[in-house]
Amino acid sequence: MSQPTPPNPRQTPLPNTLKESRWQLFLIFTQLGLTSFGGPVAHLAYFRAEFVARRKWMSEASYADLVALCQFLPGPASSQVGMAIGIFRHGYIGALLAWLGFTLSSTLLLMVFALAITHYQAYIPNGVLQGLKIATVAVVAQAVWAMYKSLCKGWTGTLLMLTAAACATVLTGSLSQAGIIAMAGIIGFLFFKTARPNKQETLPVFISHKSAIICLLLFMILLIGLLLTAQLLPYKALIDFSLGY
């Protein structure tokens, strides 16, 4: 008896079992964009609470893989994770809606607060901004602790995390950051194969292989080009900022 032919991922339609519409997806990300506080690291913790713990859109292992991938990419990992989740739910349109709802809304809100502080700083009581900074530290610390418990398994994972953090503190610059990520990836590939769960979750990615290869090539060209430009031109600080370093 012949075996059934597996579905072609490039021809797999969007699932009909999604509970949320595109509009609802946009509203979910908009709510997160307007209420999440603490920066990209804290945003990842908010995403985990919303999409893994509450809505069960993906497993802990899948979310950990997604976060690891987006941490490798230049730029804010939270925006990239949000767009990836949008792709998983509603394809390219979902990625756009996630970016509009989360990244654009939070950027506009940040601009409004920046303008308000600039023009009305004299009316802000002393200590308010310092209190916000302290609150940010607490939020980020809580997010780091939550991600540590879910991502660092065993003493070997903790040791690798501490080593990478120490290297990132001592070594500065975009090339150093890329080198730390590359070395951590090699170590993980060589020594953490057995740490993978037996059953892997397959997330629906509605992108053709050709499109994925084109995007990968563009990413590598931009990454290498920006890293080299950061070393050669006097605009290194601005380029490092655009890369998320």
Protein backbone atom coordinates (compact mmCIF):
# COMPACT_ATOMS: atom_id res chain seq x y z
CA MET A 1 0.00 0.00 0.00
CA SER A 2 1.40 3.39 -0.97
CA GLN A 3 2.06 5.92 1.73
CA PRO A 4 0.03 9.17 1.66
CA THR A 5 1.86 12.12 0.19
CA PRO A 6 2.73 14.71 2.85
CA PRO A 7 1.34 18.20 2.23
CA ASN A 8 3.57 20.69 0.49
CA PRO A 9 4.27 23.53 2.99
CA ARG A 10 4.32 26.02 0.11
CA GLN A 11 0.76 25.02 -0.81
CA THR A 12 -0.62 24.68 2.71
CA PRO A 13 -3.51 27.12 3.15
CA LEU A 14 -4.04 29.20 6.23
CA PRO A 15 -5.85 27.15 8.88
CA ASN A 16 -9.59 27.54 9.24
CA THR A 17 -9.48 26.82 12.98
CA LEU A 18 -8.02 30.15 14.06
CA LYS A 19 -10.15 31.63 16.81
CA GLU A 20 -9.13 35.20 16.16
CA SER A 21 -9.66 37.30 13.07
CA ARG A 22 -7.05 39.59 11.58
CA TRP A 23 -8.72 42.53 13.28
CA GLN A 24 -8.57 40.75 16.63
CA LEU A 25 -4.90 39.94 16.06
CA PHE A 26 -4.24 43.63 15.42
CA LEU A 27 -6.09 44.63 18.60
CA ILE A 28 -4.15 42.10 20.71
CA PHE A 29 -0.83 43.46 19.53
CA THR A 30 -2.02 47.06 19.87
CA GLN A 31 -2.97 46.44 23.48
CA LEU A 32 0.48 44.98 24.12
CA GLY A 33 2.15 47.89 22.35
CA LEU A 34 0.33 50.46 24.46
CA THR A 35 0.73 48.70 27.82
CA SER A 36 4.06 46.83 27.68
CA PHE A 37 6.73 48.62 29.66
CA GLY A 38 10.44 47.98 30.09
CA GLY A 39 12.08 47.51 26.69
CA PRO A 40 12.55 44.54 24.33
CA VAL A 41 13.58 42.06 27.05
CA ALA A 42 10.48 42.83 29.11
CA HIS A 43 8.36 42.70 25.94
CA LEU A 44 9.46 39.09 25.36
CA ALA A 45 8.21 38.21 28.83
CA TYR A 46 4.86 39.89 28.11
CA PHE A 47 4.63 37.94 24.83
CA ARG A 48 5.32 34.68 26.63
CA ALA A 49 2.60 35.41 29.19
CA GLU A 50 0.10 36.37 26.47
CA PHE A 51 0.77 33.89 23.66
CA VAL A 52 2.23 30.86 25.47
CA ALA A 53 0.70 30.84 28.94
CA ARG A 54 -2.67 32.50 28.26
CA ARG A 55 -3.65 31.88 24.63
CA LYS A 56 -1.65 28.65 24.03
CA TRP A 57 -0.69 29.73 20.52
CA MET A 58 2.66 27.92 20.82
CA SER A 59 4.59 25.76 23.24
CA GLU A 60 7.41 26.83 25.54
CA ALA A 61 9.96 25.06 23.31
CA SER A 62 8.70 26.73 20.14
CA TYR A 63 8.69 30.15 21.77
CA ALA A 64 12.21 29.59 23.08
CA ASP A 65 13.38 28.69 19.56
CA LEU A 66 11.69 31.79 18.14
CA VAL A 67 13.26 34.06 20.76
CA ALA A 68 16.70 32.55 20.12
CA LEU A 69 16.32 33.14 16.37
CA CYS A 70 15.21 36.75 16.79
CA GLN A 71 17.96 37.48 19.32
CA PHE A 72 20.40 36.53 16.56
CA LEU A 73 18.92 39.11 14.21
CA PRO A 74 19.97 42.77 14.47
CA GLY A 75 17.36 45.09 15.89
CA PRO A 76 14.74 44.81 18.65
CA ALA A 77 13.95 41.14 19.20
CA SER A 78 10.48 41.87 20.55
CA SER A 79 9.32 43.43 17.27
CA GLN A 80 10.73 40.51 15.32
CA VAL A 81 9.09 37.94 17.61
CA GLY A 82 5.79 39.79 17.27
CA MET A 83 5.97 39.78 13.46
CA ALA A 84 6.89 36.08 13.46
CA ILE A 85 3.86 35.28 15.63
CA GLY A 86 1.76 37.30 13.19
CA ILE A 87 3.10 35.16 10.34
CA PHE A 88 2.22 31.99 12.23
CA ARG A 89 -1.36 33.17 12.67
CA HIS A 90 -2.23 35.01 9.45
CA GLY A 91 0.74 34.93 7.08
CA TYR A 92 2.32 38.10 5.70
CA ILE A 93 -0.75 40.16 6.58
CA GLY A 94 -0.45 38.95 10.16
CA ALA A 95 3.17 40.10 10.31
CA LEU A 96 2.18 43.56 9.06
CA LEU A 97 -0.68 43.82 11.54
CA ALA A 98 1.59 42.72 14.39
CA TRP A 99 4.12 45.41 13.44
CA LEU A 100 1.45 48.10 13.14
CA GLY A 101 -0.24 47.10 16.38
CA PHE A 102 2.82 46.60 18.56
CA THR A 103 5.88 48.37 17.15
CA LEU A 104 4.26 51.41 15.50
CA SER A 105 1.80 52.09 18.31
CA SER A 106 4.50 51.89 21.00
CA THR A 107 6.80 54.11 18.92
CA LEU A 108 4.11 56.77 18.52
CA LEU A 109 3.31 56.61 22.24
CA LEU A 110 7.00 56.99 23.07
CA MET A 111 7.23 60.05 20.81
CA VAL A 112 4.23 61.62 22.52
CA PHE A 113 5.79 61.10 25.96
CA ALA A 114 9.14 62.44 24.75
CA LEU A 115 7.52 65.61 23.41
CA ALA A 116 5.52 66.02 26.61
CA ILE A 117 8.62 65.71 28.77
CA THR A 118 10.52 68.16 26.56
CA HIS A 119 7.86 70.87 26.68
CA TYR A 120 6.42 70.32 30.17
CA GLN A 121 9.41 69.11 32.16
CA ALA A 122 9.04 72.01 34.59
CA TYR A 123 5.62 70.73 35.62
CA ILE A 124 6.82 67.19 36.32
CA PRO A 125 7.50 66.61 40.05
CA ASN A 126 11.05 65.79 41.04
CA GLY A 127 11.72 62.09 41.24
CA VAL A 128 9.07 60.96 38.76
CA LEU A 129 11.54 60.13 36.00
CA GLN A 130 13.89 58.50 38.49
CA GLY A 131 10.99 56.42 39.76
CA LEU A 132 10.19 55.31 36.22
CA LYS A 133 13.80 54.21 35.75
CA ILE A 134 13.63 52.15 38.95
CA ALA A 135 10.36 50.60 37.82
CA THR A 136 11.96 49.73 34.47
CA VAL A 137 14.80 47.92 36.23
CA ALA A 138 12.28 45.90 38.24
CA VAL A 139 10.24 44.98 35.14
CA VAL A 140 13.32 43.93 33.17
CA ALA A 141 14.67 41.94 36.12
CA GLN A 142 11.37 40.07 36.42
CA ALA A 143 11.37 39.39 32.67
CA VAL A 144 14.96 38.11 32.73
CA TRP A 145 14.16 35.82 35.65
CA ALA A 146 11.06 34.41 33.91
CA MET A 147 13.00 33.78 30.69
CA TYR A 148 15.88 32.24 32.65
CA LYS A 149 13.57 29.70 34.24
CA SER A 150 12.03 28.74 30.89
CA LEU A 151 15.13 28.85 28.65
CA CYS A 152 18.16 27.88 30.78
CA LYS A 153 17.83 24.19 31.56
CA GLY A 154 20.35 22.76 34.01
CA TRP A 155 23.71 24.05 35.18
CA THR A 156 25.23 23.85 31.69
CA GLY A 157 22.67 26.27 30.28
CA THR A 158 23.18 28.59 33.23
CA LEU A 159 26.97 28.48 32.77
CA LEU A 160 26.66 29.28 29.07
CA MET A 161 24.30 32.17 29.82
CA LEU A 162 26.60 33.66 32.46
CA THR A 163 29.65 33.31 30.22
CA ALA A 164 27.90 35.01 27.31
CA ALA A 165 26.66 37.80 29.60
CA ALA A 166 30.16 38.35 30.99
CA CYS A 167 31.67 38.49 27.49
CA ALA A 168 28.99 40.94 26.35
CA THR A 169 29.76 43.16 29.34
CA VAL A 170 33.52 43.18 28.77
CA LEU A 171 33.58 43.20 24.96
CA THR A 172 31.83 46.08 23.21
CA GLY A 173 31.02 46.79 19.58
CA SER A 174 28.87 45.17 16.94
CA LEU A 175 31.49 42.62 15.80
CA SER A 176 32.00 41.42 19.39
CA GLN A 177 28.26 40.92 19.83
CA ALA A 178 28.04 38.93 16.61
CA GLY A 179 31.03 36.82 17.66
CA ILE A 180 29.47 36.01 21.03
CA ILE A 181 26.25 34.91 19.34
CA ALA A 182 28.17 32.78 16.84
CA MET A 183 30.27 31.07 19.53
CA ALA A 184 27.21 30.40 21.70
CA GLY A 185 25.48 28.88 18.67
CA ILE A 186 28.45 26.60 17.94
CA ILE A 187 28.65 25.48 21.58
CA GLY A 188 24.93 24.81 21.65
CA PHE A 189 25.11 22.83 18.40
CA LEU A 190 27.98 20.68 19.67
CA PHE A 191 26.99 20.06 23.28
CA PHE A 192 23.24 20.62 23.63
CA LYS A 193 21.80 18.28 21.02
CA THR A 194 20.49 15.89 23.66
CA ALA A 195 18.69 18.75 25.40
CA ARG A 196 16.11 18.94 22.63
CA PRO A 197 12.65 17.56 23.47
CA ASN A 198 11.69 14.27 21.84
CA LYS A 199 8.61 15.71 20.16
CA GLN A 200 8.98 18.90 18.16
CA GLU A 201 6.08 21.21 17.43
CA THR A 202 5.71 22.22 13.79
CA LEU A 203 4.59 25.81 13.50
CA PRO A 204 2.75 26.87 10.32
CA VAL A 205 5.01 29.16 8.30
CA PHE A 206 3.28 30.23 5.11
CA ILE A 207 6.36 31.31 3.18
CA SER A 208 7.72 29.50 0.14
CA HIS A 209 11.24 28.07 0.16
CA LYS A 210 12.25 30.48 -2.59
CA SER A 211 11.04 33.50 -0.63
CA ALA A 212 12.80 32.24 2.50
CA ILE A 213 16.11 31.85 0.66
CA ILE A 214 15.81 35.34 -0.84
CA CYS A 215 15.09 36.84 2.58
CA LEU A 216 18.04 34.95 4.10
CA LEU A 217 20.42 36.24 1.42
CA LEU A 218 19.17 39.81 1.86
CA PHE A 219 19.59 39.48 5.61
CA MET A 220 23.18 38.26 5.29
CA ILE A 221 24.06 41.04 2.81
CA LEU A 222 22.59 43.73 5.06
CA LEU A 223 24.12 42.27 8.22
CA ILE A 224 27.64 42.00 6.82
CA GLY A 225 27.34 45.33 5.03
CA LEU A 226 26.20 47.19 8.14
CA LEU A 227 28.87 45.58 10.32
CA LEU A 228 31.60 46.59 7.87
CA THR A 229 30.13 50.07 7.49
CA ALA A 230 30.10 50.49 11.26
CA GLN A 231 33.85 49.89 11.33
CA LEU A 232 34.77 52.07 8.35
CA LEU A 233 32.57 55.16 8.62
CA PRO A 234 32.43 57.78 11.39
CA TYR A 235 28.76 57.01 11.99
CA LYS A 236 29.53 53.88 14.03
CA ALA A 237 27.38 54.84 17.02
CA LEU A 238 24.34 55.49 14.83
CA ILE A 239 24.79 52.22 12.94
CA ASP A 240 25.26 50.26 16.17
CA PHE A 241 22.02 51.80 17.43
CA SER A 242 20.17 50.76 14.24
CA LEU A 243 21.48 47.20 14.65
CA GLY A 244 20.13 47.03 18.18
CA TYR A 245 23.57 46.87 19.81
